[in-house]
Amino acid sequence: MEVLYLLIPMSVLLVFGLMALFRWALDAGQFDDLEREGERILVEDLAGLDEDQAAPRTRVEQSGTAP
């Protein structure tokens, strides 16, 4: 029974922490445009890549050997 004195406050802190994390995700724009990422794989040009994303590398570039 004494363990409830520890578990209840810890669960309340966990809920507040998760609510703060969800609020941060909303403010950071994580849920702004859900359709763009799903449709981006259908377009073949590289114009859809964000500035911080690199173009996909080929297997030759990854292995470092020339054919």
Protein backbone atom coordinates (compact mmCIF):
# COMPACT_ATOMS: atom_id res chain seq x y z
CA MET A 1 0.00 0.00 0.00
CA GLU A 2 2.88 2.36 0.73
CA VAL A 3 4.11 1.98 -2.83
CA LEU A 4 1.11 4.01 -4.03
CA TYR A 5 2.60 7.07 -2.31
CA LEU A 6 5.47 6.76 -4.77
CA LEU A 7 3.69 5.52 -7.89
CA ILE A 8 0.90 8.09 -8.01
CA PRO A 9 3.17 11.17 -7.99
CA MET A 10 5.50 9.51 -10.49
CA SER A 11 2.60 8.78 -12.85
CA VAL A 12 1.35 12.36 -12.54
CA LEU A 13 4.85 13.65 -13.39
CA LEU A 14 4.99 11.27 -16.36
CA VAL A 15 1.65 12.54 -17.68
CA PHE A 16 2.78 16.16 -17.33
CA GLY A 17 6.05 15.33 -19.09
CA LEU A 18 4.23 13.69 -21.98
CA MET A 19 1.85 16.63 -22.25
CA ALA A 20 4.83 19.01 -22.37
CA LEU A 21 6.47 16.88 -25.08
CA PHE A 22 3.27 16.88 -27.14
CA ARG A 23 2.93 20.66 -26.72
CA TRP A 24 6.52 21.10 -27.90
CA ALA A 25 5.79 18.96 -30.98
CA LEU A 26 2.74 21.08 -31.79
CA ASP A 27 4.69 24.33 -31.41
CA ALA A 28 7.61 22.99 -33.48
CA GLY A 29 5.30 22.24 -36.40
CA GLN A 30 5.65 18.46 -36.39
CA PHE A 31 2.02 17.99 -37.38
CA ASP A 32 1.63 20.85 -39.85
CA ASP A 33 1.75 19.09 -43.22
CA LEU A 34 1.11 15.36 -43.01
CA GLU A 35 0.21 14.92 -46.68
CA ARG A 36 3.44 16.31 -48.19
CA GLU A 37 5.66 13.56 -46.80
CA GLY A 38 3.36 10.83 -48.07
CA GLU A 39 3.18 12.32 -51.56
CA ARG A 40 6.86 13.21 -51.82
CA ILE A 41 7.87 9.61 -52.51
CA LEU A 42 5.68 9.58 -55.62
CA VAL A 43 7.57 12.45 -57.29
CA GLU A 44 10.82 11.47 -58.99
CA ASP A 45 12.58 14.82 -59.10
CA LEU A 46 14.84 15.90 -56.26
CA ALA A 47 13.18 19.31 -55.94
CA GLY A 48 10.99 17.93 -53.15
CA LEU A 49 13.95 17.44 -50.84
CA ASP A 50 14.38 19.86 -48.01
CA GLU A 51 17.53 21.93 -47.73
CA ASP A 52 18.95 19.82 -44.90
CA GLN A 53 18.46 16.53 -46.77
CA ALA A 54 21.06 15.16 -49.13
CA ALA A 55 20.41 13.43 -52.42
CA PRO A 56 20.33 9.65 -52.17
CA ARG A 57 23.70 8.01 -52.72
CA THR A 58 24.26 5.14 -55.09
CA ARG A 59 25.79 1.84 -54.03
CA VAL A 60 29.07 2.72 -55.73
CA GLU A 61 29.34 5.94 -53.73
CA GLN A 62 28.53 4.12 -50.49
CA SER A 63 31.08 1.35 -50.97
CA GLY A 64 33.79 3.67 -52.25
CA THR A 65 34.78 1.39 -55.15
CA ALA A 66 34.50 2.19 -58.83
CA PRO A 67 32.88 -0.28 -61.27
